[in-house]
PDB file of all heavy atoms in Angstrom:
ATOM      1  N   LEU A   1      29.231 -53.654 -45.377  1.00  0.00           N
ATOM      2  CA  LEU A   1      28.220 -53.315 -46.381  1.00  0.00           C
ATOM      3  C   LEU A   1      27.121 -54.358 -46.447  1.00  0.00           C
ATOM      4  O   LEU A   1      26.002 -54.076 -46.860  1.00  0.00           O
ATOM      5  CB  LEU A   1      28.816 -53.106 -47.767  1.00  0.00           C
ATOM      6  CG  LEU A   1      29.076 -51.617 -48.146  1.00  0.00           C
ATOM      7  CD1 LEU A   1      30.094 -51.029 -47.205  1.00  0.00           C
ATOM      8  CD2 LEU A   1      29.553 -51.536 -49.599  1.00  0.00           C
ATOM      9  N   ILE A   2      27.447 -55.615 -46.111  1.00  0.00           N
ATOM     10  CA  ILE A   2      26.415 -56.657 -46.117  1.00  0.00           C
ATOM     11  C   ILE A   2      25.316 -56.313 -45.097  1.00  0.00           C
ATOM     12  O   ILE A   2      24.153 -56.437 -45.388  1.00  0.00           O
ATOM     13  CB  ILE A   2      27.038 -58.048 -45.833  1.00  0.00           C
ATOM     14  CG1 ILE A   2      28.205 -58.308 -46.799  1.00  0.00           C
ATOM     15  CG2 ILE A   2      25.966 -59.114 -45.956  1.00  0.00           C
ATOM     16  CD1 ILE A   2      27.861 -58.275 -48.236  1.00  0.00           C
ATOM     17  N   GLY A   3      25.704 -55.932 -43.913  1.00  0.00           N
ATOM     18  CA  GLY A   3      24.758 -55.586 -42.882  1.00  0.00           C
ATOM     19  C   GLY A   3      23.931 -54.368 -43.275  1.00  0.00           C
ATOM     20  O   GLY A   3      22.673 -54.372 -43.072  1.00  0.00           O
ATOM     21  N   LEU A   4      24.557 -53.376 -43.859  1.00  0.00           N
ATOM     22  CA  LEU A   4      23.831 -52.171 -44.293  1.00  0.00           C
ATOM     23  C   LEU A   4      22.821 -52.537 -45.398  1.00  0.00           C
ATOM     24  O   LEU A   4      21.718 -52.006 -45.426  1.00  0.00           O
ATOM     25  CB  LEU A   4      24.812 -51.127 -44.820  1.00  0.00           C
ATOM     26  CG  LEU A   4      25.705 -50.488 -43.776  1.00  0.00           C
ATOM     27  CD1 LEU A   4      26.737 -49.550 -44.475  1.00  0.00           C
ATOM     28  CD2 LEU A   4      24.913 -49.711 -42.760  1.00  0.00           C
ATOM     29  N   ALA A   5      23.236 -53.427 -46.365  1.00  0.00           N
ATOM     30  CA  ALA A   5      22.337 -53.810 -47.403  1.00  0.00           C
ATOM     31  C   ALA A   5      21.119 -54.537 -46.876  1.00  0.00           C
ATOM     32  O   ALA A   5      19.974 -54.280 -47.300  1.00  0.00           O
ATOM     33  CB  ALA A   5      23.065 -54.683 -48.399  1.00  0.00           C
ATOM     34  N   ARG A   6      21.337 -55.426 -45.935  1.00  0.00           N
ATOM     35  CA  ARG A   6      20.226 -56.209 -45.367  1.00  0.00           C
ATOM     36  C   ARG A   6      19.246 -55.306 -44.602  1.00  0.00           C
ATOM     37  O   ARG A   6      18.062 -55.576 -44.550  1.00  0.00           O
ATOM     38  CB  ARG A   6      20.765 -57.290 -44.461  1.00  0.00           C
ATOM     39  CG  ARG A   6      21.476 -58.396 -45.222  1.00  0.00           C
ATOM     40  CD  ARG A   6      22.085 -59.451 -44.271  1.00  0.00           C
ATOM     41  NE  ARG A   6      22.627 -60.560 -45.012  1.00  0.00           N
ATOM     42  CZ  ARG A   6      23.257 -61.613 -44.430  1.00  0.00           C
ATOM     43  NH1 ARG A   6      23.389 -61.626 -43.119  1.00  0.00           N
ATOM     44  NH2 ARG A   6      23.723 -62.583 -45.187  1.00  0.00           N
ATOM     45  N   GLU A   7      19.793 -54.266 -43.964  1.00  0.00           N
ATOM     46  CA  GLU A   7      18.930 -53.385 -43.135  1.00  0.00           C
ATOM     47  C   GLU A   7      18.412 -52.196 -43.955  1.00  0.00           C
ATOM     48  O   GLU A   7      17.612 -51.405 -43.455  1.00  0.00           O
ATOM     49  CB  GLU A   7      19.778 -52.858 -41.984  1.00  0.00           C
ATOM     50  CG  GLU A   7      20.196 -53.985 -40.986  1.00  0.00           C
ATOM     51  CD  GLU A   7      21.193 -53.488 -39.992  1.00  0.00           C
ATOM     52  OE1 GLU A   7      21.436 -52.275 -39.919  1.00  0.00           O
ATOM     53  OE2 GLU A   7      21.788 -54.336 -39.267  1.00  0.00           O
ATOM     54  N   GLY A   8      18.850 -52.061 -45.229  1.00  0.00           N
ATOM     55  CA  GLY A   8      18.398 -50.911 -46.052  1.00  0.00           C
ATOM     56  C   GLY A   8      18.852 -49.600 -45.546  1.00  0.00           C
ATOM     57  O   GLY A   8      18.125 -48.592 -45.599  1.00  0.00           O
ATOM     58  N   LYS A   9      20.109 -49.529 -45.018  1.00  0.00           N
ATOM     59  CA  LYS A   9      20.590 -48.320 -44.447  1.00  0.00           C
ATOM     60  C   LYS A   9      21.668 -47.694 -45.356  1.00  0.00           C
ATOM     61  O   LYS A   9      22.208 -48.340 -46.228  1.00  0.00           O
ATOM     62  CB  LYS A   9      21.179 -48.584 -43.045  1.00  0.00           C
ATOM     63  CG  LYS A   9      20.151 -48.986 -41.987  1.00  0.00           C
ATOM     64  CD  LYS A   9      20.835 -49.208 -40.650  1.00  0.00           C
ATOM     65  CE  LYS A   9      19.821 -49.534 -39.578  1.00  0.00           C
ATOM     66  NZ  LYS A   9      20.474 -49.782 -38.237  1.00  0.00           N
ATOM     67  N   ALA A  10      21.979 -46.376 -45.060  1.00  0.00           N
ATOM     68  CA  ALA A  10      23.055 -45.636 -45.742  1.00  0.00           C
ATOM     69  C   ALA A  10      22.862 -45.678 -47.244  1.00  0.00           C
ATOM     70  O   ALA A  10      21.776 -45.338 -47.729  1.00  0.00           O
ATOM     71  CB  ALA A  10      24.413 -46.190 -45.306  1.00  0.00           C
ATOM     72  N   MET A  11      23.870 -46.182 -47.972  1.00  0.00           N
ATOM     73  CA  MET A  11      23.821 -46.165 -49.438  1.00  0.00           C
ATOM     74  C   MET A  11      22.764 -47.191 -49.965  1.00  0.00           C
ATOM     75  O   MET A  11      22.498 -47.186 -51.174  1.00  0.00           O
ATOM     76  CB  MET A  11      25.179 -46.428 -50.038  1.00  0.00           C
ATOM     77  CG  MET A  11      25.755 -47.777 -49.687  1.00  0.00           C
ATOM     78  SD  MET A  11      26.396 -47.949 -48.025  1.00  0.00           S
ATOM     79  CE  MET A  11      27.830 -46.926 -48.055  1.00  0.00           C
ATOM     80  N   PHE A  12      22.206 -48.021 -49.091  1.00  0.00           N
ATOM     81  CA  PHE A  12      21.183 -48.962 -49.504  1.00  0.00           C
ATOM     82  C   PHE A  12      19.802 -48.555 -49.059  1.00  0.00           C
ATOM     83  O   PHE A  12      18.862 -49.396 -49.098  1.00  0.00           O
ATOM     84  CB  PHE A  12      21.535 -50.354 -48.919  1.00  0.00           C
ATOM     85  CG  PHE A  12      22.820 -50.910 -49.472  1.00  0.00           C
ATOM     86  CD1 PHE A  12      23.984 -50.831 -48.713  1.00  0.00           C
ATOM     87  CD2 PHE A  12      22.888 -51.467 -50.746  1.00  0.00           C
ATOM     88  CE1 PHE A  12      25.172 -51.359 -49.192  1.00  0.00           C
ATOM     89  CE2 PHE A  12      24.115 -51.992 -51.204  1.00  0.00           C
ATOM     90  CZ  PHE A  12      25.231 -51.912 -50.440  1.00  0.00           C
ATOM     91  N   GLU A  13      19.638 -47.324 -48.638  1.00  0.00           N
ATOM     92  CA  GLU A  13      18.324 -46.864 -48.189  1.00  0.00           C
ATOM     93  C   GLU A  13      17.350 -46.989 -49.321  1.00  0.00           C
ATOM     94  O   GLU A  13      17.567 -46.602 -50.468  1.00  0.00           O
ATOM     95  CB  GLU A  13      18.434 -45.414 -47.752  1.00  0.00           C
ATOM     96  CG  GLU A  13      17.119 -44.930 -47.076  1.00  0.00           C
ATOM     97  CD  GLU A  13      17.279 -43.503 -46.517  1.00  0.00           C
ATOM     98  OE1 GLU A  13      18.398 -42.923 -46.597  1.00  0.00           O
ATOM     99  OE2 GLU A  13      16.272 -43.011 -45.979  1.00  0.00           O
ATOM    100  N   ASP A  14      16.157 -47.591 -49.044  1.00  0.00           N
ATOM    101  CA  ASP A  14      15.115 -47.811 -50.003  1.00  0.00           C
ATOM    102  C   ASP A  14      15.517 -48.762 -51.110  1.00  0.00           C
ATOM    103  O   ASP A  14      14.868 -48.865 -52.185  1.00  0.00           O
ATOM    104  CB  ASP A  14      14.599 -46.491 -50.649  1.00  0.00           C
ATOM    105  CG  ASP A  14      14.049 -45.541 -49.622  1.00  0.00           C
ATOM    106  OD1 ASP A  14      13.400 -46.014 -48.666  1.00  0.00           O
ATOM    107  OD2 ASP A  14      14.254 -44.332 -49.810  1.00  0.00           O
ATOM    108  N   LYS A  15      16.593 -49.528 -50.910  1.00  0.00           N
ATOM    109  CA  LYS A  15      17.055 -50.485 -51.939  1.00  0.00           C
ATOM    110  C   LYS A  15      17.217 -51.887 -51.364  1.00  0.00           C
ATOM    111  O   LYS A  15      17.841 -52.746 -52.003  1.00  0.00           O
ATOM    112  CB  LYS A  15      18.449 -50.003 -52.463  1.00  0.00           C
ATOM    113  CG  LYS A  15      18.382 -48.677 -53.193  1.00  0.00           C
ATOM    114  CD  LYS A  15      19.780 -48.243 -53.599  1.00  0.00           C
ATOM    115  CE  LYS A  15      19.736 -46.875 -54.291  1.00  0.00           C
ATOM    116  NZ  LYS A  15      21.089 -46.386 -54.669  1.00  0.00           N
ATOM    117  N   SER A  16      16.685 -52.149 -50.177  1.00  0.00           N
ATOM    118  CA  SER A  16      16.860 -53.477 -49.594  1.00  0.00           C
ATOM    119  C   SER A  16      16.104 -54.501 -50.458  1.00  0.00           C
ATOM    120  O   SER A  16      15.128 -54.183 -51.172  1.00  0.00           O
ATOM    121  CB  SER A  16      16.264 -53.480 -48.179  1.00  0.00           C
ATOM    122  OG  SER A  16      14.878 -53.147 -48.170  1.00  0.00           O
ATOM    123  N   ASP A  17      16.589 -55.721 -50.373  1.00  0.00           N
ATOM    124  CA  ASP A  17      16.031 -56.798 -51.196  1.00  0.00           C
ATOM    125  C   ASP A  17      16.221 -58.105 -50.459  1.00  0.00           C
ATOM    126  O   ASP A  17      17.262 -58.343 -49.822  1.00  0.00           O
ATOM    127  CB  ASP A  17      16.766 -56.817 -52.565  1.00  0.00           C
ATOM    128  CG  ASP A  17      16.114 -57.752 -53.562  1.00  0.00           C
ATOM    129  OD1 ASP A  17      16.370 -58.970 -53.548  1.00  0.00           O
ATOM    130  OD2 ASP A  17      15.257 -57.265 -54.370  1.00  0.00           O
ATOM    131  N   PRO A  18      15.223 -59.025 -50.541  1.00  0.00           N
ATOM    132  CA  PRO A  18      15.383 -60.321 -49.821  1.00  0.00           C
ATOM    133  C   PRO A  18      16.603 -61.095 -50.272  1.00  0.00           C
ATOM    134  O   PRO A  18      17.176 -61.839 -49.449  1.00  0.00           O
ATOM    135  CB  PRO A  18      14.122 -61.087 -50.268  1.00  0.00           C
ATOM    136  CG  PRO A  18      13.111 -60.000 -50.569  1.00  0.00           C
ATOM    137  CD  PRO A  18      13.921 -58.909 -51.191  1.00  0.00           C
ATOM    138  N   SER A  19      17.085 -60.930 -51.484  1.00  0.00           N
ATOM    139  CA  SER A  19      18.252 -61.648 -51.942  1.00  0.00           C
ATOM    140  C   SER A  19      19.515 -61.314 -51.180  1.00  0.00           C
ATOM    141  O   SER A  19      20.472 -62.130 -51.128  1.00  0.00           O
ATOM    142  CB  SER A  19      18.529 -61.401 -53.445  1.00  0.00           C
ATOM    143  OG  SER A  19      18.789 -60.022 -53.663  1.00  0.00           O
ATOM    144  N   PHE A  20      19.570 -60.166 -50.492  1.00  0.00           N
ATOM    145  CA  PHE A  20      20.743 -59.807 -49.712  1.00  0.00           C
ATOM    146  C   PHE A  20      20.922 -60.771 -48.507  1.00  0.00           C
ATOM    147  O   PHE A  20      22.036 -60.937 -48.040  1.00  0.00           O
ATOM    148  CB  PHE A  20      20.618 -58.387 -49.187  1.00  0.00           C
ATOM    149  CG  PHE A  20      20.617 -57.323 -50.267  1.00  0.00           C
ATOM    150  CD1 PHE A  20      20.014 -56.080 -50.089  1.00  0.00           C
ATOM    151  CD2 PHE A  20      21.240 -57.545 -51.505  1.00  0.00           C
ATOM    152  CE1 PHE A  20      19.975 -55.118 -51.066  1.00  0.00           C
ATOM    153  CE2 PHE A  20      21.222 -56.600 -52.513  1.00  0.00           C
ATOM    154  CZ  PHE A  20      20.635 -55.393 -52.290  1.00  0.00           C
ATOM    155  N   ASN A  21      19.830 -61.378 -48.095  1.00  0.00           N
ATOM    156  CA  ASN A  21      19.938 -62.308 -46.968  1.00  0.00           C
ATOM    157  C   ASN A  21      20.571 -63.622 -47.421  1.00  0.00           C
ATOM    158  O   ASN A  21      20.934 -64.482 -46.617  1.00  0.00           O
ATOM    159  CB  ASN A  21      18.532 -62.610 -46.428  1.00  0.00           C
ATOM    160  CG  ASN A  21      17.952 -61.402 -45.713  1.00  0.00           C
ATOM    161  OD1 ASN A  21      18.666 -60.697 -44.989  1.00  0.00           O
ATOM    162  ND2 ASN A  21      16.685 -61.159 -45.907  1.00  0.00           N
ATOM    163  N   ASP A  22      20.724 -63.823 -48.706  1.00  0.00           N
ATOM    164  CA  ASP A  22      21.336 -65.087 -49.261  1.00  0.00           C
ATOM    165  C   ASP A  22      22.836 -64.922 -49.435  1.00  0.00           C
ATOM    166  O   ASP A  22      23.495 -65.888 -49.860  1.00  0.00           O
ATOM    167  CB  ASP A  22      20.687 -65.415 -50.592  1.00  0.00           C
ATOM    168  CG  ASP A  22      19.202 -65.674 -50.484  1.00  0.00           C
ATOM    169  OD1 ASP A  22      18.782 -66.197 -49.447  1.00  0.00           O
ATOM    170  OD2 ASP A  22      18.482 -65.405 -51.500  1.00  0.00           O
ATOM    171  N   ILE A  23      23.420 -63.752 -49.134  1.00  0.00           N
ATOM    172  CA  ILE A  23      24.870 -63.549 -49.331  1.00  0.00           C
ATOM    173  C   ILE A  23      25.621 -64.362 -48.279  1.00  0.00           C
ATOM    174  O   ILE A  23      25.283 -64.377 -47.104  1.00  0.00           O
ATOM    175  CB  ILE A  23      25.209 -62.022 -49.202  1.00  0.00           C
ATOM    176  CG1 ILE A  23      24.586 -61.282 -50.346  1.00  0.00           C
ATOM    177  CG2 ILE A  23      26.703 -61.820 -49.197  1.00  0.00           C
ATOM    178  CD1 ILE A  23      24.679 -59.736 -50.194  1.00  0.00           C
ATOM    179  N   ARG A  24      26.683 -65.047 -48.785  1.00  0.00           N
ATOM    180  CA  ARG A  24      27.491 -65.890 -47.890  1.00  0.00           C
ATOM    181  C   ARG A  24      28.975 -65.669 -48.218  1.00  0.00           C
ATOM    182  O   ARG A  24      29.370 -65.603 -49.384  1.00  0.00           O
ATOM    183  CB  ARG A  24      27.169 -67.375 -48.057  1.00  0.00           C
ATOM    184  CG  ARG A  24      25.717 -67.756 -47.751  1.00  0.00           C
ATOM    185  CD  ARG A  24      25.466 -67.651 -46.282  1.00  0.00           C
ATOM    186  NE  ARG A  24      24.086 -68.079 -45.919  1.00  0.00           N
ATOM    187  CZ  ARG A  24      23.040 -67.290 -45.849  1.00  0.00           C
ATOM    188  NH1 ARG A  24      23.180 -65.981 -46.110  1.00  0.00           N
ATOM    189  NH2 ARG A  24      21.876 -67.758 -45.500  1.00  0.00           N
ATOM    190  N   ALA A  25      29.775 -65.536 -47.171  1.00  0.00           N
ATOM    191  CA  ALA A  25      31.225 -65.241 -47.341  1.00  0.00           C
ATOM    192  C   ALA A  25      31.996 -66.519 -47.695  1.00  0.00           C
ATOM    193  O   ALA A  25      31.610 -67.609 -47.320  1.00  0.00           O
ATOM    194  CB  ALA A  25      31.802 -64.648 -46.087  1.00  0.00           C
ATOM    195  N   LEU A  26      33.116 -66.319 -48.461  1.00  0.00           N
ATOM    196  CA  LEU A  26      34.021 -67.416 -48.802  1.00  0.00           C
ATOM    197  C   LEU A  26      35.339 -67.277 -48.076  1.00  0.00           C
ATOM    198  O   LEU A  26      35.737 -68.163 -47.346  1.00  0.00           O
ATOM    199  CB  LEU A  26      34.223 -67.443 -50.327  1.00  0.00           C
ATOM    200  CG  LEU A  26      32.998 -67.694 -51.156  1.00  0.00           C
ATOM    201  CD1 LEU A  26      33.354 -67.591 -52.667  1.00  0.00           C
ATOM    202  CD2 LEU A  26      32.379 -69.069 -50.878  1.00  0.00           C
ATOM    203  N   PHE A  27      36.035 -66.167 -48.305  1.00  0.00           N
ATOM    204  CA  PHE A  27      37.363 -65.943 -47.678  1.00  0.00           C
ATOM    205  C   PHE A  27      37.739 -64.477 -47.678  1.00  0.00           C
ATOM    206  O   PHE A  27      37.216 -63.675 -48.497  1.00  0.00           O
ATOM    207  CB  PHE A  27      38.426 -66.742 -48.455  1.00  0.00           C
ATOM    208  CG  PHE A  27      38.358 -66.625 -49.940  1.00  0.00           C
ATOM    209  CD1 PHE A  27      38.913 -65.511 -50.585  1.00  0.00           C
ATOM    210  CD2 PHE A  27      37.793 -67.631 -50.732  1.00  0.00           C
ATOM    211  CE1 PHE A  27      38.828 -65.382 -51.994  1.00  0.00           C
ATOM    212  CE2 PHE A  27      37.686 -67.477 -52.089  1.00  0.00           C
ATOM    213  CZ  PHE A  27      38.223 -66.376 -52.746  1.00  0.00           C
ATOM    214  N   PRO A  28      38.601 -64.042 -46.784  1.00  0.00           N
ATOM    215  CA  PRO A  28      39.045 -62.679 -46.732  1.00  0.00           C
ATOM    216  C   PRO A  28      40.068 -62.421 -47.876  1.00  0.00           C
ATOM    217  O   PRO A  28      40.745 -63.355 -48.302  1.00  0.00           O
ATOM    218  CB  PRO A  28      39.691 -62.539 -45.391  1.00  0.00           C
ATOM    219  CG  PRO A  28      40.160 -63.901 -45.048  1.00  0.00           C
ATOM    220  CD  PRO A  28      39.192 -64.846 -45.672  1.00  0.00           C
ATOM    221  N   ILE A  29      40.177 -61.183 -48.269  1.00  0.00           N
ATOM    222  CA  ILE A  29      41.212 -60.758 -49.248  1.00  0.00           C
ATOM    223  C   ILE A  29      41.912 -59.572 -48.596  1.00  0.00           C
ATOM    224  O   ILE A  29      41.475 -59.098 -47.538  1.00  0.00           O
ATOM    225  CB  ILE A  29      40.634 -60.425 -50.623  1.00  0.00           C
ATOM    226  CG1 ILE A  29      39.691 -59.241 -50.615  1.00  0.00           C
ATOM    227  CG2 ILE A  29      39.953 -61.663 -51.222  1.00  0.00           C
ATOM    228  CD1 ILE A  29      39.258 -58.780 -52.005  1.00  0.00           C
ATOM    229  N   PRO A  30      42.992 -59.085 -49.182  1.00  0.00           N
ATOM    230  CA  PRO A  30      43.724 -57.960 -48.565  1.00  0.00           C
ATOM    231  C   PRO A  30      42.821 -56.748 -48.220  1.00  0.00           C
ATOM    232  O   PRO A  30      41.942 -56.400 -49.020  1.00  0.00           O
ATOM    233  CB  PRO A  30      44.786 -57.583 -49.639  1.00  0.00           C
ATOM    234  CG  PRO A  30      45.063 -58.905 -50.299  1.00  0.00           C
ATOM    235  CD  PRO A  30      43.718 -59.565 -50.409  1.00  0.00           C
ATOM    236  N   SER A  31      43.050 -56.188 -47.071  1.00  0.00           N
ATOM    237  CA  SER A  31      42.260 -55.035 -46.588  1.00  0.00           C
ATOM    238  C   SER A  31      42.624 -53.733 -47.283  1.00  0.00           C
ATOM    239  O   SER A  31      43.745 -53.552 -47.718  1.00  0.00           O
ATOM    240  CB  SER A  31      42.444 -54.872 -45.068  1.00  0.00           C
ATOM    241  OG  SER A  31      42.066 -56.008 -44.358  1.00  0.00           O
ATOM    242  N   LEU A  32      41.663 -52.842 -47.317  1.00  0.00           N
ATOM    243  CA  LEU A  32      41.951 -51.451 -47.745  1.00  0.00           C
ATOM    244  C   LEU A  32      42.729 -50.787 -46.617  1.00  0.00           C
ATOM    245  O   LEU A  32      42.224 -50.717 -45.477  1.00  0.00           O
ATOM    246  CB  LEU A  32      40.625 -50.660 -47.968  1.00  0.00           C
ATOM    247  CG  LEU A  32      39.962 -50.835 -49.346  1.00  0.00           C
ATOM    248  CD1 LEU A  32      38.556 -50.295 -49.293  1.00  0.00           C
ATOM    249  CD2 LEU A  32      40.739 -50.100 -50.419  1.00  0.00           C
ATOM    250  N   THR A  33      43.917 -50.326 -46.898  1.00  0.00           N
ATOM    251  CA  THR A  33      44.800 -49.811 -45.876  1.00  0.00           C
ATOM    252  C   THR A  33      45.111 -48.329 -46.089  1.00  0.00           C
ATOM    253  O   THR A  33      45.502 -47.923 -47.179  1.00  0.00           O
ATOM    254  CB  THR A  33      46.165 -50.585 -45.911  1.00  0.00           C
ATOM    255  OG1 THR A  33      45.871 -51.959 -45.755  1.00  0.00           O
ATOM    256  CG2 THR A  33      47.081 -50.085 -44.816  1.00  0.00           C
ATOM    257  N   MET A  34      44.874 -47.519 -45.085  1.00  0.00           N
ATOM    258  CA  MET A  34      45.088 -46.074 -45.206  1.00  0.00           C
ATOM    259  C   MET A  34      46.568 -45.763 -45.162  1.00  0.00           C
ATOM    260  O   MET A  34      47.290 -46.235 -44.297  1.00  0.00           O
ATOM    261  CB  MET A  34      44.395 -45.359 -44.059  1.00  0.00           C
ATOM    262  CG  MET A  34      42.859 -45.284 -44.210  1.00  0.00           C
ATOM    263  SD  MET A  34      42.315 -44.407 -45.653  1.00  0.00           S
ATOM    264  CE  MET A  34      42.713 -42.712 -45.205  1.00  0.00           C
ATOM    265  N   HIS A  35      46.985 -44.948 -46.106  1.00  0.00           N
ATOM    266  CA  HIS A  35      48.369 -44.456 -46.187  1.00  0.00           C
ATOM    267  C   HIS A  35      48.362 -42.929 -46.238  1.00  0.00           C
ATOM    268  O   HIS A  35      47.739 -42.323 -47.120  1.00  0.00           O
ATOM    269  CB  HIS A  35      49.071 -44.923 -47.490  1.00  0.00           C
ATOM    270  CG  HIS A  35      49.297 -46.402 -47.609  1.00  0.00           C
ATOM    271  ND1 HIS A  35      48.253 -47.279 -47.802  1.00  0.00           N
ATOM    272  CD2 HIS A  35      50.435 -47.114 -47.621  1.00  0.00           C
ATOM    273  CE1 HIS A  35      48.773 -48.511 -47.931  1.00  0.00           C
ATOM    274  NE2 HIS A  35      50.103 -48.439 -47.808  1.00  0.00           N
ATOM    275  N   PHE A  36      49.032 -42.280 -45.297  1.00  0.00           N
ATOM    276  CA  PHE A  36      49.335 -40.881 -45.353  1.00  0.00           C
ATOM    277  C   PHE A  36      50.772 -40.765 -45.773  1.00  0.00           C
ATOM    278  O   PHE A  36      51.695 -41.054 -44.975  1.00  0.00           O
ATOM    279  CB  PHE A  36      49.115 -40.196 -43.978  1.00  0.00           C
ATOM    280  CG  PHE A  36      47.664 -39.887 -43.669  1.00  0.00           C
ATOM    281  CD1 PHE A  36      46.799 -40.864 -43.219  1.00  0.00           C
ATOM    282  CD2 PHE A  36      47.218 -38.581 -43.791  1.00  0.00           C
ATOM    283  CE1 PHE A  36      45.489 -40.586 -42.921  1.00  0.00           C
ATOM    284  CE2 PHE A  36      45.893 -38.272 -43.503  1.00  0.00           C
ATOM    285  CZ  PHE A  36      45.022 -39.264 -43.075  1.00  0.00           C
ATOM    286  N   VAL A  37      50.962 -40.384 -46.997  1.00  0.00           N
ATOM    287  CA  VAL A  37      52.325 -40.382 -47.661  1.00  0.00           C
ATOM    288  C   VAL A  37      52.813 -38.957 -47.803  1.00  0.00           C
ATOM    289  O   VAL A  37      52.218 -38.153 -48.557  1.00  0.00           O
ATOM    290  CB  VAL A  37      52.283 -41.075 -49.045  1.00  0.00           C
ATOM    291  CG1 VAL A  37      53.679 -41.210 -49.604  1.00  0.00           C
ATOM    292  CG2 VAL A  37      51.613 -42.467 -48.905  1.00  0.00           C
ATOM    293  N   MET A  38      53.874 -38.601 -47.125  1.00  0.00           N
ATOM    294  CA  MET A  38      54.420 -37.215 -47.138  1.00  0.00           C
ATOM    295  C   MET A  38      55.852 -37.234 -47.761  1.00  0.00           C
ATOM    296  O   MET A  38      56.615 -38.192 -47.577  1.00  0.00           O
ATOM    297  CB  MET A  38      54.490 -36.660 -45.743  1.00  0.00           C
ATOM    298  CG  MET A  38      53.170 -36.695 -44.971  1.00  0.00           C
ATOM    299  SD  MET A  38      51.822 -35.803 -45.777  1.00  0.00           S
ATOM    300  CE  MET A  38      52.517 -34.132 -45.763  1.00  0.00           C
ATOM    301  N   SER A  39      56.133 -36.167 -48.451  1.00  0.00           N
ATOM    302  CA  SER A  39      57.479 -36.030 -49.009  1.00  0.00           C
ATOM    303  C   SER A  39      58.492 -35.828 -47.839  1.00  0.00           C
ATOM    304  O   SER A  39      58.136 -35.187 -46.816  1.00  0.00           O
ATOM    305  CB  SER A  39      57.587 -34.839 -49.961  1.00  0.00           C
ATOM    306  OG  SER A  39      57.480 -33.622 -49.242  1.00  0.00           O
ATOM    307  N   ALA A  40      59.677 -36.318 -47.992  1.00  0.00           N
ATOM    308  CA  ALA A  40      60.719 -36.148 -46.953  1.00  0.00           C
ATOM    309  C   ALA A  40      60.992 -34.690 -46.726  1.00  0.00           C
ATOM    310  O   ALA A  40      61.284 -34.261 -45.618  1.00  0.00           O
ATOM    311  CB  ALA A  40      61.956 -36.910 -47.350  1.00  0.00           C
ATOM    312  N   ASP A  41      60.905 -33.874 -47.793  1.00  0.00           N
ATOM    313  CA  ASP A  41      61.191 -32.464 -47.687  1.00  0.00           C
ATOM    314  C   ASP A  41      60.149 -31.676 -46.900  1.00  0.00           C
ATOM    315  O   ASP A  41      60.398 -30.558 -46.448  1.00  0.00           O
ATOM    316  CB  ASP A  41      61.314 -31.814 -49.093  1.00  0.00           C
ATOM    317  CG  ASP A  41      62.495 -32.350 -49.876  1.00  0.00           C
ATOM    318  OD1 ASP A  41      63.454 -32.870 -49.219  1.00  0.00           O
ATOM    319  OD2 ASP A  41      62.507 -32.266 -51.106  1.00  0.00           O
ATOM    320  N   SER A  42      58.978 -32.290 -46.708  1.00  0.00           N
ATOM    321  CA  SER A  42      57.919 -31.600 -46.008  1.00  0.00           C
ATOM    322  C   SER A  42      58.219 -31.452 -44.534  1.00  0.00           C
ATOM    323  O   SER A  42      57.657 -30.591 -43.813  1.00  0.00           O
ATOM    324  CB  SER A  42      56.579 -32.307 -46.163  1.00  0.00           C
ATOM    325  OG  SER A  42      56.594 -33.576 -45.481  1.00  0.00           O
TER     326      SER A  42
END
């Protein structure tokens, strides 16, 4: 999303701002993980 914000693309279309270039990372946190959860009976 940082790249999209800087480029004014997708959900940031027409919303780009110079302050987005000042964003700096600190550390990773747990990832969003996809789960397809099915009942055993299925």
